[in-house]
Amino acid sequence: MVTKQEYREAMARFGAAVNVITSDGPAGRCGFTASAVCSVTDDPPTLLVCINRTSDSHPLITVNKVLCVNTLGPGHQSLSPLFGGQVESDVDMRFAAASWSVLATGSPVLDEATVAFDCRVDRMIEIGTHSVLFCEVVAVRQGSIHEGLIYYGRAYHPVRPL
């Protein structure tokens, strides 16, 4: 049996894009940092997003049923700990740290995201401490920044084309 600590150490070697997931709707505006995001299918275009059920954003997204996956570039690394709860802040302070707009769902879209996927939550499955959200992509905005940001080995790393 793999222990929780063994699993966490192994996952530290699993590099992933850094995303700020945002939502707005009847329950209010919220956002959190996530690296557990991946493509499921292109027909219909669907992403998988994982959220800890203890997150302040969890009940709001459950009601709003919409979200935007904002993929960060190196220039927005400071948003990750801000939305991830490592920096003491309220929701207004988090959103004041960058410029935002909206697409189809009304969820906040980071103006300088490398890419933004505006989504409707189609399904939610609870597994362990997290909910797995299956999100149909209803709009995409590709940014002009062609550099990415990954989290690997418990640190941030810029990703640039060769």
N, C-alpha and C. Protein backbone atom coordinates (compact mmCIF):
# COMPACT_ATOMS: atom_id res chain seq x y z
N MET A 1 0.85 -1.19 0.00
CA MET A 1 0.00 0.00 0.00
C MET A 1 0.89 1.25 0.00
N VAL A 2 0.56 2.19 -0.84
CA VAL A 2 1.30 3.44 -0.91
C VAL A 2 0.79 4.37 0.19
N THR A 3 1.70 4.93 0.96
CA THR A 3 1.29 5.84 2.03
C THR A 3 0.99 7.22 1.45
N LYS A 4 0.28 8.02 2.24
CA LYS A 4 -0.04 9.39 1.84
C LYS A 4 1.24 10.17 1.56
N GLN A 5 2.26 10.03 2.43
CA GLN A 5 3.51 10.76 2.26
C GLN A 5 4.27 10.30 1.02
N GLU A 6 4.32 8.98 0.76
CA GLU A 6 4.97 8.48 -0.45
C GLU A 6 4.31 9.06 -1.70
N TYR A 7 2.99 9.09 -1.68
CA TYR A 7 2.24 9.61 -2.82
C TYR A 7 2.54 11.10 -3.02
N ARG A 8 2.54 11.86 -1.93
CA ARG A 8 2.81 13.30 -2.02
C ARG A 8 4.22 13.55 -2.56
N GLU A 9 5.20 12.78 -2.11
CA GLU A 9 6.58 12.93 -2.60
C GLU A 9 6.66 12.61 -4.09
N ALA A 10 5.98 11.58 -4.52
CA ALA A 10 5.98 11.21 -5.93
C ALA A 10 5.30 12.30 -6.77
N MET A 11 4.20 12.85 -6.29
CA MET A 11 3.48 13.89 -7.02
C MET A 11 4.29 15.17 -7.14
N ALA A 12 5.25 15.40 -6.23
CA ALA A 12 6.12 16.57 -6.33
C ALA A 12 6.99 16.49 -7.58
N ARG A 13 7.14 15.31 -8.16
CA ARG A 13 7.92 15.12 -9.37
C ARG A 13 7.04 15.09 -10.62
N PHE A 14 5.79 15.45 -10.45
CA PHE A 14 4.82 15.44 -11.54
C PHE A 14 4.52 16.89 -11.90
N GLY A 15 5.26 17.43 -12.86
CA GLY A 15 5.10 18.82 -13.24
C GLY A 15 3.74 19.09 -13.86
N ALA A 16 3.17 20.24 -13.52
CA ALA A 16 1.85 20.59 -14.06
C ALA A 16 1.73 22.10 -14.22
N ALA A 17 0.90 22.51 -15.18
CA ALA A 17 0.62 23.91 -15.40
C ALA A 17 -0.05 24.50 -14.16
N VAL A 18 0.20 25.77 -13.91
CA VAL A 18 -0.41 26.49 -12.78
C VAL A 18 -1.60 27.27 -13.32
N ASN A 19 -2.74 27.07 -12.70
CA ASN A 19 -3.99 27.69 -13.13
C ASN A 19 -4.68 28.38 -11.96
N VAL A 20 -5.34 29.48 -12.25
CA VAL A 20 -6.26 30.08 -11.28
C VAL A 20 -7.66 29.82 -11.83
N ILE A 21 -8.45 29.11 -11.03
CA ILE A 21 -9.81 28.77 -11.39
C ILE A 21 -10.72 29.81 -10.76
N THR A 22 -11.58 30.44 -11.56
CA THR A 22 -12.45 31.49 -11.07
C THR A 22 -13.91 31.15 -11.37
N SER A 23 -14.81 31.76 -10.60
CA SER A 23 -16.24 31.56 -10.83
C SER A 23 -16.98 32.79 -10.34
N ASP A 24 -18.13 33.02 -10.94
CA ASP A 24 -19.04 34.07 -10.47
C ASP A 24 -20.44 33.66 -10.86
N GLY A 25 -21.38 34.00 -10.01
CA GLY A 25 -22.78 33.65 -10.26
C GLY A 25 -23.61 33.91 -9.04
N PRO A 26 -24.74 33.19 -8.89
CA PRO A 26 -25.66 33.44 -7.78
C PRO A 26 -25.02 33.31 -6.40
N ALA A 27 -24.02 32.43 -6.25
CA ALA A 27 -23.38 32.23 -4.95
C ALA A 27 -22.28 33.24 -4.69
N GLY A 28 -21.84 33.99 -5.72
CA GLY A 28 -20.79 34.98 -5.55
C GLY A 28 -19.53 34.61 -6.30
N ARG A 29 -18.57 35.52 -6.22
CA ARG A 29 -17.29 35.39 -6.93
C ARG A 29 -16.29 34.66 -6.04
N CYS A 30 -15.47 33.82 -6.68
CA CYS A 30 -14.44 33.08 -5.94
C CYS A 30 -13.32 32.69 -6.89
N GLY A 31 -12.24 32.19 -6.32
CA GLY A 31 -11.13 31.70 -7.11
C GLY A 31 -10.17 30.89 -6.27
N PHE A 32 -9.51 29.95 -6.91
CA PHE A 32 -8.51 29.11 -6.23
C PHE A 32 -7.45 28.69 -7.22
N THR A 33 -6.29 28.29 -6.72
CA THR A 33 -5.19 27.82 -7.55
C THR A 33 -5.28 26.32 -7.71
N ALA A 34 -5.03 25.84 -8.93
CA ALA A 34 -5.08 24.39 -9.18
C ALA A 34 -4.06 23.99 -10.23
N SER A 35 -3.40 22.88 -9.97
CA SER A 35 -2.57 22.26 -10.99
C SER A 35 -3.21 20.97 -11.49
N ALA A 36 -4.26 20.51 -10.80
CA ALA A 36 -4.96 19.29 -11.19
C ALA A 36 -6.05 19.63 -12.19
N VAL A 37 -5.61 19.90 -13.43
CA VAL A 37 -6.48 20.25 -14.55
C VAL A 37 -5.98 19.47 -15.75
N CYS A 38 -6.88 18.85 -16.51
CA CYS A 38 -6.44 18.18 -17.73
C CYS A 38 -7.59 18.07 -18.72
N SER A 39 -7.23 17.84 -19.97
CA SER A 39 -8.21 17.63 -21.02
C SER A 39 -8.83 16.25 -20.88
N VAL A 40 -10.13 16.17 -21.13
CA VAL A 40 -10.82 14.88 -21.11
C VAL A 40 -11.13 14.44 -22.53
N THR A 41 -11.74 15.32 -23.33
CA THR A 41 -12.12 15.01 -24.70
C THR A 41 -12.30 16.31 -25.47
N ASP A 42 -12.24 16.21 -26.80
CA ASP A 42 -12.49 17.39 -27.61
C ASP A 42 -13.89 17.39 -28.23
N ASP A 43 -14.70 16.36 -27.93
CA ASP A 43 -16.05 16.28 -28.47
C ASP A 43 -17.01 15.70 -27.44
N PRO A 44 -17.69 16.51 -26.63
CA PRO A 44 -17.57 17.96 -26.61
C PRO A 44 -16.30 18.38 -25.86
N PRO A 45 -15.77 19.58 -26.13
CA PRO A 45 -14.55 20.02 -25.44
C PRO A 45 -14.79 20.03 -23.93
N THR A 46 -14.00 19.22 -23.22
CA THR A 46 -14.22 19.03 -21.79
C THR A 46 -12.90 18.99 -21.04
N LEU A 47 -12.86 19.71 -19.92
CA LEU A 47 -11.72 19.68 -19.01
C LEU A 47 -12.14 19.02 -17.70
N LEU A 48 -11.16 18.47 -17.02
CA LEU A 48 -11.33 17.94 -15.67
C LEU A 48 -10.61 18.89 -14.73
N VAL A 49 -11.28 19.32 -13.67
CA VAL A 49 -10.70 20.21 -12.67
C VAL A 49 -10.95 19.59 -11.30
N CYS A 50 -9.91 19.47 -10.48
CA CYS A 50 -10.07 18.93 -9.13
C CYS A 50 -10.02 20.07 -8.11
N ILE A 51 -10.92 20.00 -7.13
CA ILE A 51 -10.97 21.00 -6.06
C ILE A 51 -11.15 20.31 -4.72
N ASN A 52 -10.38 20.74 -3.74
CA ASN A 52 -10.51 20.23 -2.38
C ASN A 52 -11.86 20.65 -1.82
N ARG A 53 -12.58 19.73 -1.22
CA ARG A 53 -13.91 20.05 -0.70
C ARG A 53 -13.87 21.00 0.49
N THR A 54 -12.69 21.21 1.10
CA THR A 54 -12.59 22.18 2.19
C THR A 54 -12.30 23.59 1.68
N SER A 55 -12.09 23.74 0.38
CA SER A 55 -11.81 25.05 -0.21
C SER A 55 -13.03 25.96 -0.04
N ASP A 56 -12.77 27.23 0.25
CA ASP A 56 -13.86 28.22 0.34
C ASP A 56 -14.61 28.34 -0.99
N SER A 57 -13.96 28.02 -2.09
CA SER A 57 -14.57 28.13 -3.41
C SER A 57 -15.52 26.97 -3.72
N HIS A 58 -15.34 25.85 -3.05
CA HIS A 58 -16.12 24.64 -3.38
C HIS A 58 -17.63 24.88 -3.34
N PRO A 59 -18.19 25.40 -2.24
CA PRO A 59 -19.65 25.57 -2.24
C PRO A 59 -20.14 26.60 -3.26
N LEU A 60 -19.34 27.61 -3.56
CA LEU A 60 -19.75 28.62 -4.53
C LEU A 60 -19.79 28.05 -5.94
N ILE A 61 -18.77 27.27 -6.30
CA ILE A 61 -18.75 26.66 -7.63
C ILE A 61 -19.87 25.63 -7.77
N THR A 62 -20.17 24.94 -6.68
CA THR A 62 -21.26 23.96 -6.69
C THR A 62 -22.59 24.63 -7.04
N VAL A 63 -22.80 25.84 -6.55
CA VAL A 63 -24.02 26.58 -6.85
C VAL A 63 -23.93 27.29 -8.20
N ASN A 64 -22.81 27.97 -8.47
CA ASN A 64 -22.66 28.73 -9.71
C ASN A 64 -22.67 27.84 -10.95
N LYS A 65 -22.08 26.65 -10.83
CA LYS A 65 -21.99 25.69 -11.93
C LYS A 65 -21.27 26.22 -13.18
N VAL A 66 -20.43 27.23 -12.99
CA VAL A 66 -19.58 27.75 -14.07
C VAL A 66 -18.20 28.05 -13.48
N LEU A 67 -17.19 28.02 -14.35
CA LEU A 67 -15.84 28.38 -13.92
C LEU A 67 -15.00 28.71 -15.13
N CYS A 68 -13.89 29.38 -14.88
CA CYS A 68 -12.91 29.66 -15.92
C CYS A 68 -11.55 29.16 -15.45
N VAL A 69 -10.89 28.39 -16.30
CA VAL A 69 -9.52 27.93 -16.04
C VAL A 69 -8.60 28.94 -16.70
N ASN A 70 -7.87 29.71 -15.89
CA ASN A 70 -6.94 30.73 -16.35
C ASN A 70 -5.53 30.20 -16.17
N THR A 71 -4.85 29.87 -17.26
CA THR A 71 -3.51 29.30 -17.19
C THR A 71 -2.49 30.43 -17.08
N LEU A 72 -1.65 30.36 -16.06
CA LEU A 72 -0.72 31.44 -15.75
C LEU A 72 0.58 31.32 -16.53
N GLY A 73 1.14 32.47 -16.87
CA GLY A 73 2.50 32.57 -17.39
C GLY A 73 3.41 33.04 -16.27
N PRO A 74 4.72 33.08 -16.50
CA PRO A 74 5.66 33.48 -15.46
C PRO A 74 5.37 34.84 -14.84
N GLY A 75 4.82 35.76 -15.61
CA GLY A 75 4.54 37.10 -15.11
C GLY A 75 3.42 37.17 -14.08
N HIS A 76 2.66 36.09 -13.93
CA HIS A 76 1.57 36.07 -12.97
C HIS A 76 1.77 35.02 -11.87
N GLN A 77 3.03 34.65 -11.65
CA GLN A 77 3.35 33.67 -10.61
C GLN A 77 2.80 34.10 -9.25
N SER A 78 2.80 35.40 -8.95
CA SER A 78 2.35 35.89 -7.64
C SER A 78 0.87 35.62 -7.40
N LEU A 79 0.10 35.39 -8.46
CA LEU A 79 -1.33 35.08 -8.27
C LEU A 79 -1.54 33.69 -7.68
N SER A 80 -0.61 32.78 -7.93
CA SER A 80 -0.78 31.41 -7.46
C SER A 80 -0.87 31.33 -5.93
N PRO A 81 0.10 31.84 -5.17
CA PRO A 81 -0.04 31.77 -3.71
C PRO A 81 -1.19 32.65 -3.19
N LEU A 82 -1.49 33.72 -3.89
CA LEU A 82 -2.58 34.61 -3.48
C LEU A 82 -3.92 33.87 -3.54
N PHE A 83 -4.20 33.22 -4.68
CA PHE A 83 -5.45 32.47 -4.83
C PHE A 83 -5.37 31.11 -4.15
N GLY A 84 -4.15 30.64 -3.87
CA GLY A 84 -3.97 29.35 -3.21
C GLY A 84 -4.07 29.41 -1.70
N GLY A 85 -4.24 30.61 -1.14
CA GLY A 85 -4.41 30.72 0.31
C GLY A 85 -3.12 30.83 1.10
N GLN A 86 -1.97 30.90 0.43
CA GLN A 86 -0.71 31.04 1.16
C GLN A 86 -0.45 32.48 1.59
N VAL A 87 -1.24 33.41 1.05
CA VAL A 87 -1.14 34.82 1.40
C VAL A 87 -2.48 35.24 1.98
N GLU A 88 -2.44 35.87 3.14
CA GLU A 88 -3.67 36.33 3.79
C GLU A 88 -4.36 37.37 2.92
N SER A 89 -5.57 37.05 2.44
CA SER A 89 -6.30 37.99 1.59
C SER A 89 -7.76 37.57 1.51
N ASP A 90 -8.61 38.55 1.22
CA ASP A 90 -10.00 38.22 0.96
C ASP A 90 -10.20 38.17 -0.55
N VAL A 91 -11.40 37.80 -0.98
CA VAL A 91 -11.66 37.62 -2.40
C VAL A 91 -11.46 38.92 -3.19
N ASP A 92 -11.83 40.06 -2.62
CA ASP A 92 -11.64 41.33 -3.32
C ASP A 92 -10.16 41.65 -3.53
N MET A 93 -9.32 41.37 -2.52
CA MET A 93 -7.88 41.61 -2.64
C MET A 93 -7.27 40.72 -3.73
N ARG A 94 -7.74 39.48 -3.80
CA ARG A 94 -7.21 38.55 -4.81
C ARG A 94 -7.47 39.08 -6.21
N PHE A 95 -8.72 39.47 -6.45
CA PHE A 95 -9.07 39.93 -7.79
C PHE A 95 -8.49 41.30 -8.11
N ALA A 96 -8.18 42.10 -7.10
CA ALA A 96 -7.59 43.43 -7.32
C ALA A 96 -6.13 43.32 -7.80
N ALA A 97 -5.53 42.15 -7.68
CA ALA A 97 -4.12 41.97 -8.03
C ALA A 97 -3.88 41.81 -9.53
N ALA A 98 -4.95 41.76 -10.34
CA ALA A 98 -4.79 41.59 -11.79
C ALA A 98 -5.99 42.21 -12.49
N SER A 99 -5.93 42.20 -13.81
CA SER A 99 -7.01 42.74 -14.63
C SER A 99 -7.86 41.59 -15.18
N TRP A 100 -9.18 41.73 -15.07
CA TRP A 100 -10.11 40.65 -15.42
C TRP A 100 -11.18 41.13 -16.38
N SER A 101 -11.72 40.22 -17.15
CA SER A 101 -12.87 40.48 -18.00
C SER A 101 -13.76 39.23 -17.93
N VAL A 102 -14.72 39.10 -18.83
CA VAL A 102 -15.59 37.91 -18.85
C VAL A 102 -15.78 37.45 -20.29
N LEU A 103 -16.15 36.18 -20.42
CA LEU A 103 -16.53 35.62 -21.72
C LEU A 103 -17.99 35.18 -21.62
N ALA A 104 -18.30 33.94 -21.95
CA ALA A 104 -19.69 33.48 -22.05
C ALA A 104 -20.39 33.25 -20.70
N THR A 105 -19.67 32.70 -19.71
CA THR A 105 -20.35 32.29 -18.47
C THR A 105 -20.42 33.39 -17.41
N GLY A 106 -19.65 34.45 -17.58
CA GLY A 106 -19.59 35.49 -16.56
C GLY A 106 -18.51 35.25 -15.52
N SER A 107 -17.80 34.13 -15.61
CA SER A 107 -16.68 33.87 -14.70
C SER A 107 -15.53 34.82 -15.04
N PRO A 108 -14.79 35.28 -14.02
CA PRO A 108 -13.65 36.16 -14.31
C PRO A 108 -12.58 35.49 -15.17
N VAL A 109 -12.14 36.22 -16.20
CA VAL A 109 -11.10 35.75 -17.12
C VAL A 109 -9.89 36.67 -16.94
N LEU A 110 -8.75 36.08 -16.59
CA LEU A 110 -7.52 36.84 -16.44
C LEU A 110 -7.11 37.41 -17.79
N ASP A 111 -7.02 38.72 -17.89
CA ASP A 111 -6.75 39.37 -19.17
C ASP A 111 -5.44 38.91 -19.80
N GLU A 112 -4.44 38.61 -19.01
CA GLU A 112 -3.14 38.21 -19.55
C GLU A 112 -2.84 36.72 -19.36
N ALA A 113 -3.88 35.90 -19.23
CA ALA A 113 -3.66 34.45 -19.13
C ALA A 113 -3.05 33.94 -20.43
N THR A 114 -2.23 32.90 -20.35
CA THR A 114 -1.71 32.31 -21.58
C THR A 114 -2.85 31.71 -22.38
N VAL A 115 -3.83 31.16 -21.68
CA VAL A 115 -5.07 30.68 -22.29
C VAL A 115 -6.12 30.65 -21.19
N ALA A 116 -7.37 30.90 -21.57
CA ALA A 116 -8.49 30.84 -20.62
C ALA A 116 -9.57 29.96 -21.22
N PHE A 117 -10.07 29.02 -20.41
CA PHE A 117 -11.14 28.11 -20.81
C PHE A 117 -12.37 28.44 -19.97
N ASP A 118 -13.38 29.00 -20.59
CA ASP A 118 -14.61 29.36 -19.91
C ASP A 118 -15.55 28.15 -19.98
N CYS A 119 -16.04 27.69 -18.82
CA CYS A 119 -16.71 26.39 -18.76
C CYS A 119 -18.01 26.39 -17.96
N ARG A 120 -18.86 25.44 -18.31
CA ARG A 120 -20.03 25.08 -17.50
C ARG A 120 -19.72 23.72 -16.86
N VAL A 121 -19.97 23.62 -15.56
CA VAL A 121 -19.73 22.36 -14.86
C VAL A 121 -20.83 21.39 -15.24
N ASP A 122 -20.45 20.28 -15.84
CA ASP A 122 -21.41 19.28 -16.32
C ASP A 122 -21.67 18.21 -15.27
N ARG A 123 -20.60 17.75 -14.60
CA ARG A 123 -20.72 16.69 -13.59
C ARG A 123 -19.71 16.93 -12.48
N MET A 124 -20.04 16.39 -11.31
CA MET A 124 -19.13 16.47 -10.17
C MET A 124 -19.14 15.11 -9.48
N ILE A 125 -17.94 14.58 -9.24
CA ILE A 125 -17.79 13.30 -8.55
C ILE A 125 -16.88 13.52 -7.35
N GLU A 126 -17.28 13.02 -6.19
CA GLU A 126 -16.46 13.14 -4.98
C GLU A 126 -15.58 11.91 -4.84
N ILE A 127 -14.27 12.17 -4.66
CA ILE A 127 -13.30 11.10 -4.44
C ILE A 127 -12.36 11.56 -3.34
N GLY A 128 -12.33 10.83 -2.24
CA GLY A 128 -11.46 11.20 -1.13
C GLY A 128 -11.76 12.61 -0.65
N THR A 129 -10.73 13.45 -0.60
CA THR A 129 -10.85 14.82 -0.08
C THR A 129 -11.31 15.82 -1.14
N HIS A 130 -11.43 15.37 -2.39
CA HIS A 130 -11.66 16.29 -3.51
C HIS A 130 -12.96 16.00 -4.27
N SER A 131 -13.39 17.00 -5.00
CA SER A 131 -14.43 16.83 -6.01
C SER A 131 -13.75 16.95 -7.36
N VAL A 132 -14.12 16.06 -8.27
CA VAL A 132 -13.63 16.10 -9.63
C VAL A 132 -14.75 16.71 -10.48
N LEU A 133 -14.45 17.83 -11.12
CA LEU A 133 -15.43 18.55 -11.92
C LEU A 133 -15.17 18.27 -13.39
N PHE A 134 -16.19 17.83 -14.11
CA PHE A 134 -16.11 17.67 -15.55
C PHE A 134 -16.77 18.91 -16.14
N CYS A 135 -16.00 19.69 -16.88
CA CYS A 135 -16.42 21.02 -17.30
C CYS A 135 -16.42 21.14 -18.82
N GLU A 136 -17.60 21.43 -19.39
CA GLU A 136 -17.69 21.63 -20.83
C GLU A 136 -17.20 23.03 -21.16
N VAL A 137 -16.25 23.11 -22.07
CA VAL A 137 -15.66 24.39 -22.48
C VAL A 137 -16.62 25.06 -23.47
N VAL A 138 -17.09 26.27 -23.12
CA VAL A 138 -18.03 26.99 -23.99
C VAL A 138 -17.36 28.18 -24.69
N ALA A 139 -16.19 28.59 -24.23
CA ALA A 139 -15.44 29.66 -24.88
C ALA A 139 -13.96 29.52 -24.51
N VAL A 140 -13.10 29.93 -25.43
CA VAL A 140 -11.65 29.90 -25.21
C VAL A 140 -11.08 31.24 -25.65
N ARG A 141 -10.14 31.73 -24.86
CA ARG A 141 -9.39 32.92 -25.29
C ARG A 141 -7.90 32.61 -25.15
N GLN A 142 -7.20 32.68 -26.27
CA GLN A 142 -5.75 32.46 -26.25
C GLN A 142 -5.06 33.80 -26.10
N GLY A 143 -4.16 33.87 -25.14
CA GLY A 143 -3.43 35.10 -24.88
C GLY A 143 -2.25 35.28 -25.81
N SER A 144 -1.63 36.42 -25.70
CA SER A 144 -0.47 36.72 -26.54
C SER A 144 0.83 36.24 -25.90
N ILE A 145 0.78 35.81 -24.66
CA ILE A 145 1.97 35.32 -23.96
C ILE A 145 2.19 33.86 -24.34
N HIS A 146 3.38 33.53 -24.81
CA HIS A 146 3.68 32.17 -25.25
C HIS A 146 4.66 31.48 -24.31
N GLU A 147 4.62 31.86 -23.05
CA GLU A 147 5.43 31.22 -22.02
C GLU A 147 4.48 30.66 -20.96
N GLY A 148 4.83 29.53 -20.40
CA GLY A 148 4.00 28.90 -19.39
C GLY A 148 4.67 28.93 -18.02
N LEU A 149 3.93 28.45 -17.06
CA LEU A 149 4.41 28.34 -15.68
C LEU A 149 4.00 26.97 -15.18
N ILE A 150 4.99 26.19 -14.73
CA ILE A 150 4.65 24.89 -14.14
C ILE A 150 5.11 24.86 -12.69
N TYR A 151 4.49 23.95 -11.95
CA TYR A 151 4.87 23.69 -10.57
C TYR A 151 5.48 22.29 -10.56
N TYR A 152 6.75 22.22 -10.16
CA TYR A 152 7.48 20.96 -10.16
C TYR A 152 8.48 21.00 -9.01
N GLY A 153 8.58 19.92 -8.25
CA GLY A 153 9.53 19.86 -7.14
C GLY A 153 9.26 20.91 -6.09
N ARG A 154 7.98 21.22 -5.88
CA ARG A 154 7.53 22.22 -4.90
C ARG A 154 8.06 23.63 -5.19
N ALA A 155 8.26 23.91 -6.49
CA ALA A 155 8.72 25.24 -6.90
C ALA A 155 8.13 25.57 -8.27
N TYR A 156 8.10 26.87 -8.57
CA TYR A 156 7.60 27.35 -9.86
C TYR A 156 8.75 27.39 -10.86
N HIS A 157 8.44 27.06 -12.12
CA HIS A 157 9.42 27.07 -13.18
C HIS A 157 8.80 27.64 -14.44
N PRO A 158 9.45 28.64 -15.08
CA PRO A 158 8.93 29.14 -16.36
C PRO A 158 9.18 28.12 -17.46
N VAL A 159 8.29 28.09 -18.42
CA VAL A 159 8.44 27.21 -19.57
C VAL A 159 8.41 28.10 -20.80
N ARG A 160 9.49 28.00 -21.59
CA ARG A 160 9.60 28.83 -22.79
C ARG A 160 9.87 27.94 -23.99
N PRO A 161 9.40 28.34 -25.17
CA PRO A 161 9.73 27.56 -26.38
C PRO A 161 11.24 27.53 -26.60
N LEU A 162 11.73 26.44 -27.15
CA LEU A 162 13.16 26.33 -27.46
C LEU A 162 13.53 27.20 -28.63
